[in-house]
Amino acid sequence: MDIMDEKKMVTLSVEDGPWTGCAVLFLRSCPAVNLLSLYKDQQGKFSVFKVLKLTLTDSAGGLEGYEILKLHDADPLLGVEVKFVDVAACRRFLQSYGSGAVQQSLSQHACRLLHCPQELVLETQLKAGTHTLDFCLDDLELCLQHIHQSQPGRLRDDEIAELDQQLQSQALGHIPQPPTLSQEEPPVPSNCFLFQKRVFEDRILAAGDLQRFSNGVGRDWRKVGRALGKNCRALKGPAIDNLAYEYEREGLYEQAYQLLSRFIQAEGSAARLGRLVRALEDSKLTSLAENILDIQPRE
């Protein structure tokens, strides 16, 4: 049998009669937002499921033609096992996946519902049985055949059924929306901090931070010093007034520079970016925090 005959048989098999198939979408997100860890958390479970369901709705062209059977712990990957019962919906999903629309939809819904950074980095892989479909996305009929041959070996997981029912009830307004990660403080890795709903690395303060702070803080350097002094012995008591007197002739830049230098010297490896940003927030100096974090102003 030549290649053309084989493709013809593939096309006939996916178009004739009742059609079902199964595929597993594997997801790996950036370290700042771990989808698998969030799904394991009781608070994050519903939000992660909602992100996945909305993404499938976008990519398959509606609510019909598929269902999520189970979410798999394939550490560090989250596996989403999907049963397709309509070849047209499956084809639309494959086209969306191949164009990158699935990844884009995932990122957008995750940013909104999971309190993620604006650009969520995702690695994806799509498999049907032993076949990795990423390698043959340019041949949709072959992908459909692999999915059709991979028949689901399970019923829908009870937990998934409960989450789906909860989502439907929420959409109909029968129950209040449960707490989501967008409504409360999201889980942030210990080496990061949250600012304006974005996650930043909580690194040790560097020379560039010192210069930007000294250039931008102006007369408010004492206010920031008092905020830092809440958790820094070197800046308690008369320390800030002494700095003001000692460097009065040198001006505001030098006073601010000496303040942050003293904080860095006293705290060592604990003198981190997150502490400075929190002190700036407490001092109502959000724009300076944005400048130090190199956040571009919104147009």
Protein backbone atom coordinates (compact mmCIF):
# COMPACT_ATOMS: atom_id res chain seq x y z
CA MET A 1 0.00 0.00 0.00
CA ASP A 2 1.47 3.37 -1.00
CA ILE A 3 1.39 6.56 1.07
CA MET A 4 -1.59 8.05 -0.78
CA ASP A 5 -3.72 4.94 -0.16
CA GLU A 6 -2.76 4.97 3.51
CA LYS A 7 -3.75 8.63 3.88
CA LYS A 8 -7.02 7.93 2.09
CA MET A 9 -7.82 5.17 4.58
CA VAL A 10 -6.92 7.49 7.46
CA THR A 11 -9.32 10.14 6.16
CA LEU A 12 -12.14 7.64 5.72
CA SER A 13 -11.65 6.17 9.19
CA VAL A 14 -11.92 9.53 10.94
CA GLU A 15 -14.91 10.75 8.95
CA ASP A 16 -17.16 7.66 8.91
CA GLY A 17 -19.48 6.73 11.78
CA PRO A 18 -19.17 7.53 15.50
CA TRP A 19 -15.74 8.88 16.27
CA THR A 20 -13.83 8.92 19.56
CA GLY A 21 -10.22 9.29 20.50
CA CYS A 22 -7.92 10.28 23.32
CA ALA A 23 -4.94 12.60 23.69
CA VAL A 24 -2.87 13.82 26.62
CA LEU A 25 -1.61 17.39 26.76
CA PHE A 26 1.46 17.71 28.99
CA LEU A 27 2.17 21.12 30.50
CA ARG A 28 5.20 22.51 32.23
CA SER A 29 5.13 26.11 33.42
CA CYS A 30 7.83 28.52 34.58
CA PRO A 31 9.22 28.00 38.11
CA ALA A 32 7.37 31.05 39.43
CA VAL A 33 3.99 29.44 38.70
CA ASN A 34 3.92 25.64 38.88
CA LEU A 35 0.60 24.37 37.49
CA LEU A 36 1.09 20.90 38.96
CA SER A 37 1.73 22.28 42.46
CA LEU A 38 -1.25 24.61 42.19
CA TYR A 39 -3.52 21.75 41.13
CA LYS A 40 -2.40 19.70 44.14
CA ASP A 41 -3.36 22.61 46.39
CA GLN A 42 -7.03 22.60 47.43
CA GLN A 43 -7.37 26.33 46.88
CA GLY A 44 -5.72 26.27 43.47
CA LYS A 45 -7.32 23.07 42.13
CA PHE A 46 -10.56 24.64 40.87
CA SER A 47 -8.77 27.62 39.33
CA VAL A 48 -6.35 25.39 37.39
CA PHE A 49 -9.24 23.25 36.15
CA LYS A 50 -11.11 26.37 35.04
CA VAL A 51 -8.05 27.59 33.12
CA LEU A 52 -7.82 24.25 31.30
CA LYS A 53 -11.55 24.07 30.55
CA LEU A 54 -11.65 27.62 29.17
CA THR A 55 -8.60 26.89 27.03
CA LEU A 56 -10.23 23.78 25.57
CA THR A 57 -13.42 25.73 24.93
CA ASP A 58 -11.42 28.34 23.01
CA SER A 59 -9.41 25.84 20.98
CA ALA A 60 -12.11 23.24 20.24
CA GLY A 61 -14.71 25.82 19.29
CA GLY A 62 -17.19 25.41 22.13
CA LEU A 63 -18.27 23.18 25.00
CA GLU A 64 -19.19 20.12 22.94
CA GLY A 65 -17.11 17.37 21.37
CA TYR A 66 -14.67 16.62 24.18
CA GLU A 67 -14.32 16.06 27.91
CA ILE A 68 -11.45 16.06 30.37
CA LEU A 69 -11.06 12.55 31.80
CA LYS A 70 -8.25 13.02 34.29
CA LEU A 71 -5.37 15.25 35.32
CA HIS A 72 -2.14 13.30 35.80
CA ASP A 73 0.74 13.99 38.15
CA ALA A 74 3.70 13.48 35.80
CA ASP A 75 6.07 15.55 37.93
CA PRO A 76 7.28 18.07 36.85
CA LEU A 77 4.56 17.94 34.17
CA LEU A 78 0.80 18.22 34.52
CA GLY A 79 -0.94 15.81 32.14
CA VAL A 80 -4.42 16.66 30.84
CA GLU A 81 -6.13 13.56 29.43
CA VAL A 82 -8.84 14.58 26.96
CA LYS A 83 -11.43 12.38 25.27
CA PHE A 84 -12.72 13.65 21.93
CA VAL A 85 -16.13 12.50 20.68
CA ASP A 86 -16.31 14.72 17.62
CA VAL A 87 -13.74 14.71 14.85
CA ALA A 88 -14.43 18.35 13.91
CA ALA A 89 -13.75 19.52 17.47
CA CYS A 90 -10.58 17.44 17.58
CA ARG A 91 -9.41 18.90 14.27
CA ARG A 92 -10.03 22.45 15.51
CA PHE A 93 -8.05 21.68 18.66
CA LEU A 94 -5.12 20.31 16.63
CA GLN A 95 -5.14 23.37 14.39
CA SER A 96 -5.15 25.66 17.43
CA TYR A 97 -2.35 23.68 19.05
CA GLY A 98 -0.24 23.73 15.91
CA SER A 99 -0.64 27.50 15.50
CA GLY A 100 0.28 28.24 19.12
CA ALA A 101 -3.23 29.45 19.98
CA VAL A 102 -3.64 26.82 22.73
CA GLN A 103 -0.49 28.01 24.48
CA GLN A 104 -1.55 31.63 24.13
CA SER A 105 -5.01 30.91 25.51
CA LEU A 106 -3.52 29.00 28.44
CA SER A 107 -1.22 31.89 29.26
CA GLN A 108 -4.01 34.48 29.08
CA HIS A 109 -6.44 32.53 31.27
CA ALA A 110 -3.67 31.67 33.74
CA CYS A 111 -2.68 35.32 34.08
CA ARG A 112 -6.28 36.24 34.84
CA LEU A 113 -7.26 33.38 37.15
CA LEU A 114 -4.00 32.23 38.74
CA HIS A 115 -2.45 35.61 39.42
CA CYS A 116 0.49 34.78 37.16
CA PRO A 117 3.11 37.04 35.65
CA GLN A 118 1.86 38.69 32.49
CA GLU A 119 3.95 36.41 30.31
CA LEU A 120 3.58 32.85 31.57
CA VAL A 121 6.25 30.62 30.05
CA LEU A 122 4.82 27.22 29.07
CA GLU A 123 6.33 24.07 27.62
CA THR A 124 3.79 21.74 25.99
CA GLN A 125 3.74 18.28 24.50
CA LEU A 126 0.79 16.48 22.92
CA LYS A 127 0.69 12.67 22.86
CA ALA A 128 -1.73 10.01 21.68
CA GLY A 129 -0.68 6.62 22.98
CA THR A 130 3.00 6.23 22.16
CA HIS A 131 2.89 8.88 19.43
CA THR A 132 4.18 12.39 20.06
CA LEU A 133 1.92 14.52 17.87
CA ASP A 134 4.21 17.56 17.99
CA PHE A 135 6.32 15.80 15.34
CA CYS A 136 3.49 15.41 12.81
CA LEU A 137 1.30 18.49 13.27
CA ASP A 138 1.72 19.37 9.60
CA ASP A 139 -0.33 16.24 8.80
CA LEU A 140 -3.64 16.69 10.64
CA GLU A 141 -5.17 13.50 9.23
CA LEU A 142 -2.33 11.42 10.62
CA CYS A 143 -2.69 13.13 14.02
CA LEU A 144 -6.42 12.40 13.98
CA GLN A 145 -5.71 8.76 13.19
CA HIS A 146 -3.30 8.46 16.13
CA ILE A 147 -5.87 10.05 18.46
CA HIS A 148 -8.63 7.80 17.10
CA GLN A 149 -6.49 4.71 17.66
CA SER A 150 -5.80 5.80 21.24
CA GLN A 151 -9.15 4.92 22.76
CA PRO A 152 -9.76 6.06 26.37
CA GLY A 153 -9.18 3.28 28.85
CA ARG A 154 -11.03 4.91 31.73
CA LEU A 155 -14.20 6.73 32.67
CA ARG A 156 -14.05 10.33 33.77
CA ASP A 157 -12.32 10.73 37.13
CA ASP A 158 -14.71 11.49 40.01
CA GLU A 159 -12.71 14.55 41.02
CA ILE A 160 -12.90 15.94 37.47
CA ALA A 161 -16.66 15.31 37.40
CA GLU A 162 -17.07 17.28 40.64
CA LEU A 163 -14.94 20.16 39.35
CA ASP A 164 -16.88 20.24 36.09
CA GLN A 165 -20.19 20.31 37.97
CA GLN A 166 -18.88 23.10 40.18
CA LEU A 167 -17.86 25.10 37.11
CA GLN A 168 -21.27 24.61 35.48
CA SER A 169 -23.07 25.65 38.65
CA GLN A 170 -20.89 28.74 38.91
CA ALA A 171 -21.63 29.68 35.31
CA LEU A 172 -25.38 29.37 35.97
CA GLY A 173 -25.09 31.46 39.12
CA HIS A 174 -26.30 28.70 41.42
CA ILE A 175 -23.38 28.97 43.81
CA PRO A 176 -21.00 31.80 44.72
CA GLN A 177 -17.60 31.68 43.12
CA PRO A 178 -15.12 29.88 45.36
CA PRO A 179 -11.97 31.71 46.41
CA THR A 180 -9.49 31.75 43.55
CA LEU A 181 -5.85 32.59 43.48
CA SER A 182 -6.70 35.92 41.87
CA GLN A 183 -8.64 36.96 44.98
CA GLU A 184 -6.04 36.04 47.58
CA GLU A 185 -2.29 36.14 47.95
CA PRO A 186 -0.92 33.58 45.47
CA PRO A 187 1.69 31.03 46.46
CA VAL A 188 5.04 32.63 45.68
CA PRO A 189 8.35 30.72 45.72
CA SER A 190 10.64 31.51 48.63
CA ASN A 191 13.22 33.10 46.32
CA CYS A 192 10.67 35.50 44.77
CA PHE A 193 8.30 38.29 45.78
CA LEU A 194 5.07 39.74 44.43
CA PHE A 195 4.66 43.30 43.18
CA GLN A 196 1.66 44.58 41.20
CA LYS A 197 0.47 41.00 40.59
CA ARG A 198 3.81 40.03 39.08
CA VAL A 199 6.51 37.75 40.44
CA PHE A 200 10.11 38.97 40.68
CA GLU A 201 13.30 37.26 41.78
CA ASP A 202 14.20 38.32 45.32
CA ARG A 203 17.88 38.82 44.60
CA ILE A 204 20.52 40.57 46.70
CA LEU A 205 20.62 44.32 46.11
CA ALA A 206 23.19 45.36 43.52
CA ALA A 207 25.09 48.53 42.66
CA GLY A 208 22.53 49.44 40.00
CA ASP A 209 19.72 49.33 42.57
CA LEU A 210 21.73 51.60 44.85
CA GLN A 211 22.22 54.17 42.09
CA ARG A 212 18.60 54.15 40.92
CA PHE A 213 17.37 54.52 44.47
CA SER A 214 19.74 57.40 45.24
CA ASN A 215 18.88 59.20 42.00
CA GLY A 216 15.12 58.88 42.40
CA VAL A 217 14.17 59.00 46.07
CA GLY A 218 14.91 62.69 46.70
CA ARG A 219 13.68 64.10 50.02
CA ASP A 220 11.78 60.91 50.80
CA TRP A 221 14.94 58.98 51.66
CA ARG A 222 14.28 59.37 55.39
CA LYS A 223 10.77 57.95 54.99
CA VAL A 224 12.19 54.89 53.22
CA GLY A 225 14.88 54.62 55.87
CA ARG A 226 12.27 54.45 58.61
CA ALA A 227 10.40 51.75 56.69
CA LEU A 228 13.60 49.72 56.30
CA GLY A 229 14.47 50.39 59.93
CA LYS A 230 11.46 48.41 61.14
CA ASN A 231 13.51 45.26 60.52
CA CYS A 232 17.07 46.59 60.49
CA ARG A 233 18.88 47.46 63.71
CA ALA A 234 21.43 49.62 61.91
CA LEU A 235 18.68 52.07 60.92
CA LYS A 236 16.86 52.28 64.24
CA GLY A 237 16.95 55.10 66.77
CA PRO A 238 18.94 58.20 65.79
CA ALA A 239 20.77 56.47 62.92
CA ILE A 240 18.78 58.19 60.16
CA ASP A 241 19.06 61.66 61.75
CA ASN A 242 22.79 61.10 62.17
CA LEU A 243 23.11 60.27 58.46
CA ALA A 244 21.19 63.41 57.56
CA TYR A 245 23.51 65.56 59.66
CA GLU A 246 26.73 63.83 58.61
CA TYR A 247 26.06 64.11 54.85
CA GLU A 248 24.04 67.31 54.80
CA ARG A 249 26.63 69.19 52.74
CA GLU A 250 26.87 66.43 50.13
CA GLY A 251 23.15 66.67 49.37
CA LEU A 252 20.17 64.34 48.97
CA TYR A 253 21.83 61.88 46.59
CA GLU A 254 24.65 61.14 49.02
CA GLN A 255 22.30 60.91 52.00
CA ALA A 256 20.15 58.36 50.18
CA TYR A 257 23.23 56.51 48.95
CA GLN A 258 24.67 56.22 52.45
CA LEU A 259 21.31 55.10 53.85
CA LEU A 260 20.95 52.16 51.48
CA SER A 261 24.68 51.36 51.72
CA ARG A 262 24.36 51.08 55.49
CA PHE A 263 21.35 48.80 55.07
CA ILE A 264 23.29 46.55 52.67
CA GLN A 265 26.36 46.43 54.91
CA ALA A 266 24.32 45.63 58.01
CA GLU A 267 22.03 43.01 56.47
CA GLY A 268 24.49 41.27 54.16
CA SER A 269 22.82 38.53 52.14
CA ALA A 270 19.47 39.47 53.71
CA ALA A 271 19.56 42.89 52.00
CA ARG A 272 17.28 41.86 49.18
CA LEU A 273 15.28 43.56 46.49
CA GLY A 274 11.93 42.53 47.96
CA ARG A 275 12.62 44.36 51.24
CA LEU A 276 13.49 47.57 49.41
CA VAL A 277 10.39 47.34 47.20
CA ARG A 278 8.15 46.79 50.24
CA ALA A 279 9.72 49.80 51.96
CA LEU A 280 9.07 51.90 48.85
CA GLU A 281 5.45 50.71 48.75
CA ASP A 282 5.02 51.60 52.44
CA SER A 283 6.44 55.04 51.64
CA LYS A 284 4.02 55.56 48.71
CA LEU A 285 6.89 55.55 46.22
CA THR A 286 5.48 53.02 43.77
CA SER A 287 6.90 54.76 40.71
CA LEU A 288 10.43 54.48 42.10
CA ALA A 289 9.88 50.77 42.79
CA GLU A 290 8.75 50.35 39.17
CA ASN A 291 11.89 52.13 37.99
CA ILE A 292 14.17 49.91 40.07
CA LEU A 293 12.34 46.81 38.78
CA ASP A 294 12.59 48.17 35.22
CA ILE A 295 8.82 48.03 34.71
CA GLN A 296 7.85 50.02 31.66
CA PRO A 297 5.12 52.63 32.24
CA ARG A 298 1.73 51.77 30.80
CA GLU A 299 0.69 53.76 27.77
